[in-house]
Amino acid sequence: MTENLQRKKKRTRLTPLGRFIVNLLLLVLFAIVGAMVGYSIIGSGNPLEVFLPEIWIHLVEVLANSLL
């Protein structure tokens, strides 16, 4: 029985901070990919245009006007 315990490899796990950082990076990655796909398919635009500040300024203006 002690041989089985010695043969098992110790699993390394991420600390809670490590898991938080990995989840945060994945969230940012999926948000960027989602914005690119949404802008190119739904908006029929160039996927790289989603990073232009003019696009985001227009989006904020539209949202602010629709909420007021």
Foldseek 3Di string as FASTA:
>chain_A
DVVVVVPDDDDDDDDPVRVVVVVVVVVVVVVLVVQLVCCCVVVVDHSVCSPDVVVVVVVVVVVVVVVD
